[in-house]
N, C-alpha and C. Protein backbone atom coordinates (compact mmCIF):
# COMPACT_ATOMS: atom_id res chain seq x y z
N UNK A 1 -44.28 -3.57 57.15
CA UNK A 1 -43.25 -2.59 57.99
C UNK A 1 -43.54 -3.41 59.41
N UNK A 2 -42.01 -3.41 59.82
CA UNK A 2 -41.59 -3.77 61.49
C UNK A 2 -41.52 -2.53 62.05
N UNK A 3 -42.10 -2.73 63.47
CA UNK A 3 -41.48 -1.31 64.38
C UNK A 3 -41.35 -1.87 65.51
N UNK A 4 -40.08 -1.59 66.01
CA UNK A 4 -39.58 -1.89 67.26
C UNK A 4 -39.18 -0.91 68.23
N UNK A 5 -39.31 -1.25 69.17
CA UNK A 5 -38.96 -0.21 70.32
C UNK A 5 -37.47 -0.73 70.84
N UNK A 6 -36.76 0.42 70.65
CA UNK A 6 -35.04 0.20 70.71
C UNK A 6 -34.83 0.84 71.99
N UNK A 7 -34.07 0.64 72.96
CA UNK A 7 -33.79 1.25 74.15
C UNK A 7 -32.80 1.99 73.89
N UNK A 8 -32.59 3.09 74.90
CA UNK A 8 -31.61 4.27 74.70
C UNK A 8 -29.87 3.35 74.79
N UNK A 9 -29.72 2.40 75.07
CA UNK A 9 -28.52 1.66 75.09
C UNK A 9 -28.23 0.63 73.57
N UNK A 10 -29.25 0.25 73.63
CA UNK A 10 -29.52 -0.30 71.81
C UNK A 10 -29.34 0.89 70.88
N UNK A 11 -29.87 1.58 70.98
CA UNK A 11 -29.52 2.78 69.97
C UNK A 11 -28.33 3.24 70.22
N UNK A 12 -27.68 3.60 70.83
CA UNK A 12 -26.38 3.95 71.01
C UNK A 12 -25.32 3.01 70.19
N UNK A 13 -25.62 1.70 70.66
CA UNK A 13 -24.93 0.34 70.11
C UNK A 13 -25.33 0.46 68.55
N UNK A 14 -25.95 0.66 67.93
CA UNK A 14 -26.62 1.02 66.66
C UNK A 14 -25.81 1.82 65.97
N UNK A 15 -26.11 3.11 66.74
CA UNK A 15 -25.29 4.05 66.21
C UNK A 15 -23.99 4.00 66.06
N UNK A 16 -23.33 3.47 66.88
CA UNK A 16 -21.43 3.06 67.06
C UNK A 16 -21.32 2.23 65.78
N UNK A 17 -21.99 1.15 65.53
CA UNK A 17 -21.86 0.39 64.33
C UNK A 17 -22.04 0.95 62.96
N UNK A 18 -23.31 2.00 63.09
CA UNK A 18 -23.11 2.31 61.61
C UNK A 18 -22.40 3.48 61.52
N UNK A 19 -21.94 4.27 62.25
CA UNK A 19 -20.69 5.47 62.38
C UNK A 19 -19.40 4.27 61.77
N UNK A 20 -19.31 3.41 62.30
CA UNK A 20 -17.92 2.48 61.99
C UNK A 20 -18.34 1.88 60.72
N UNK A 21 -19.34 1.50 60.15
CA UNK A 21 -19.60 1.37 58.92
C UNK A 21 -19.23 2.72 57.75
N UNK A 22 -19.47 3.55 58.37
CA UNK A 22 -19.60 5.03 57.51
C UNK A 22 -18.11 5.33 57.44
N UNK A 23 -17.30 5.25 58.61
CA UNK A 23 -15.81 5.17 58.64
C UNK A 23 -14.85 4.58 57.52
N UNK A 24 -15.32 3.45 57.77
CA UNK A 24 -14.96 2.24 56.82
C UNK A 24 -15.06 2.75 55.16
N UNK A 25 -16.46 3.18 55.08
CA UNK A 25 -16.63 3.47 53.51
C UNK A 25 -15.71 4.81 53.11
N UNK A 26 -15.62 5.50 54.06
CA UNK A 26 -14.82 6.76 53.65
C UNK A 26 -13.66 6.44 53.44
N UNK A 27 -13.01 5.47 54.31
CA UNK A 27 -11.31 5.36 54.06
C UNK A 27 -11.40 4.62 52.75
N UNK A 28 -11.97 3.81 52.41
CA UNK A 28 -11.95 3.19 50.94
C UNK A 28 -12.43 4.12 50.02
N UNK A 29 -13.52 4.93 49.93
CA UNK A 29 -13.33 6.11 48.90
C UNK A 29 -12.23 6.77 48.53
N UNK A 30 -11.56 7.17 49.92
CA UNK A 30 -10.03 7.70 49.83
C UNK A 30 -9.44 7.30 49.12
N UNK A 31 -9.34 5.84 49.50
CA UNK A 31 -8.33 4.57 48.49
C UNK A 31 -8.64 4.71 47.00
N UNK A 32 -9.89 4.97 46.71
CA UNK A 32 -10.34 4.56 45.44
C UNK A 32 -10.16 5.77 44.40
N UNK A 33 -10.59 7.03 45.43
CA UNK A 33 -10.24 8.44 44.91
C UNK A 33 -8.61 8.25 44.37
N UNK A 34 -7.93 8.17 45.45
CA UNK A 34 -6.36 8.04 45.26
C UNK A 34 -5.98 6.98 43.97
N UNK A 35 -6.89 5.98 43.65
CA UNK A 35 -6.48 5.43 42.56
C UNK A 35 -6.82 5.73 41.03
N UNK A 36 -7.69 6.93 41.12
CA UNK A 36 -8.28 7.50 40.10
C UNK A 36 -9.93 6.89 39.78
N UNK A 37 -10.47 6.25 40.68
CA UNK A 37 -11.66 5.36 40.88
C UNK A 37 -12.71 6.55 41.38
N UNK A 38 -12.91 7.91 40.73
CA UNK A 38 -14.00 8.89 41.27
C UNK A 38 -15.10 8.38 41.27
N UNK A 39 -15.61 7.48 40.39
CA UNK A 39 -17.32 7.29 40.31
C UNK A 39 -17.22 6.10 41.62
N UNK A 40 -16.40 5.47 41.70
CA UNK A 40 -16.66 4.42 42.83
C UNK A 40 -16.39 5.08 44.17
N UNK A 41 -15.51 5.64 44.03
CA UNK A 41 -15.68 6.75 45.28
C UNK A 41 -16.75 7.34 45.84
N UNK A 42 -17.02 7.87 44.80
CA UNK A 42 -18.75 8.72 45.14
C UNK A 42 -19.92 7.90 45.58
N UNK A 43 -19.73 6.44 45.12
CA UNK A 43 -20.91 5.57 45.10
C UNK A 43 -20.41 5.20 46.90
N UNK A 44 -19.08 5.12 47.23
CA UNK A 44 -18.56 4.77 48.61
C UNK A 44 -19.24 5.84 49.68
N UNK A 45 -18.81 6.95 49.06
CA UNK A 45 -19.34 8.19 50.02
C UNK A 45 -20.66 8.46 50.34
N UNK A 46 -21.61 8.38 48.91
CA UNK A 46 -22.97 8.15 49.57
C UNK A 46 -23.42 7.04 50.25
N UNK A 47 -22.65 5.75 50.28
CA UNK A 47 -22.97 4.78 51.28
C UNK A 47 -22.67 5.17 52.55
N UNK A 48 -21.44 5.74 52.68
CA UNK A 48 -21.22 6.23 54.42
C UNK A 48 -22.04 7.29 54.62
N UNK A 49 -22.53 7.91 53.96
CA UNK A 49 -23.90 9.23 54.09
C UNK A 49 -24.94 8.62 54.76
N UNK A 50 -25.20 7.41 53.77
CA UNK A 50 -26.47 6.75 54.50
C UNK A 50 -26.40 5.89 55.76
N UNK A 51 -25.13 5.65 56.06
CA UNK A 51 -24.90 5.05 57.39
C UNK A 51 -25.06 6.08 58.35
N UNK A 52 -24.08 7.41 58.15
CA UNK A 52 -24.20 8.19 59.03
C UNK A 52 -25.91 8.44 59.11
N UNK A 53 -26.98 8.68 58.25
CA UNK A 53 -28.13 8.95 58.72
C UNK A 53 -28.88 7.96 59.40
N UNK A 54 -28.36 6.72 59.13
CA UNK A 54 -28.89 5.89 60.31
C UNK A 54 -28.35 5.93 61.62
N UNK A 55 -27.22 6.05 61.85
CA UNK A 55 -26.57 6.38 62.75
C UNK A 55 -27.19 7.72 63.96
N UNK A 56 -27.60 9.11 63.00
CA UNK A 56 -28.14 10.06 63.51
C UNK A 56 -29.50 9.70 64.14
N UNK A 57 -30.62 8.87 62.92
CA UNK A 57 -31.31 8.22 63.64
C UNK A 57 -31.78 7.50 64.92
N UNK A 58 -30.54 6.78 65.15
CA UNK A 58 -30.42 6.03 66.14
C UNK A 58 -30.37 6.82 67.45
N UNK A 59 -29.37 7.92 67.29
CA UNK A 59 -29.27 8.88 68.39
C UNK A 59 -30.47 9.51 68.60
N UNK A 60 -31.18 9.99 67.88
CA UNK A 60 -32.33 10.90 67.96
C UNK A 60 -33.57 10.14 68.75
N UNK A 61 -33.73 9.17 67.98
CA UNK A 61 -35.11 8.66 69.05
C UNK A 61 -35.58 7.05 68.21
N UNK A 62 -36.05 6.27 69.04
CA UNK A 62 -36.81 4.96 68.64
C UNK A 62 -37.53 4.95 67.09
N UNK A 63 -38.52 6.02 67.35
CA UNK A 63 -39.72 6.33 66.50
C UNK A 63 -38.70 6.64 65.04
N UNK A 64 -37.47 7.56 65.15
CA UNK A 64 -37.02 7.94 63.90
C UNK A 64 -36.16 7.01 63.32
N UNK A 65 -35.53 6.12 64.20
CA UNK A 65 -34.70 4.98 63.79
C UNK A 65 -35.52 3.86 62.79
N UNK A 66 -36.71 3.60 63.76
CA UNK A 66 -37.65 3.03 62.87
C UNK A 66 -38.44 3.47 61.66
N UNK A 67 -38.40 4.47 61.22
CA UNK A 67 -38.62 5.42 60.12
C UNK A 67 -37.41 5.13 59.28
N UNK A 68 -36.44 5.46 59.22
CA UNK A 68 -35.65 5.48 58.62
C UNK A 68 -34.98 3.87 58.12
N UNK A 69 -35.15 3.05 58.99
CA UNK A 69 -35.36 1.44 58.89
C UNK A 69 -36.12 1.08 57.75
N UNK A 70 -37.21 1.51 57.88
CA UNK A 70 -38.60 1.17 57.23
C UNK A 70 -38.64 1.80 56.16
N UNK A 71 -37.84 2.77 55.71
CA UNK A 71 -38.10 3.59 54.24
C UNK A 71 -37.58 3.00 53.10
């Protein structure tokens, strides 16, 4: 397990990046759902939630970000 100290600015950039990934996955999920691909849409939505979890951890603290990245 690797633990890093992330500065507040670095954590903010990580959070923004993972929020962006989540937004992209949700857009794709909507398109898949519209095409009748519910199972694929659900997988994308779970991926989006996982990315939101990382973003939330990054906003919370360096310790929490390390915990989620190393889990």
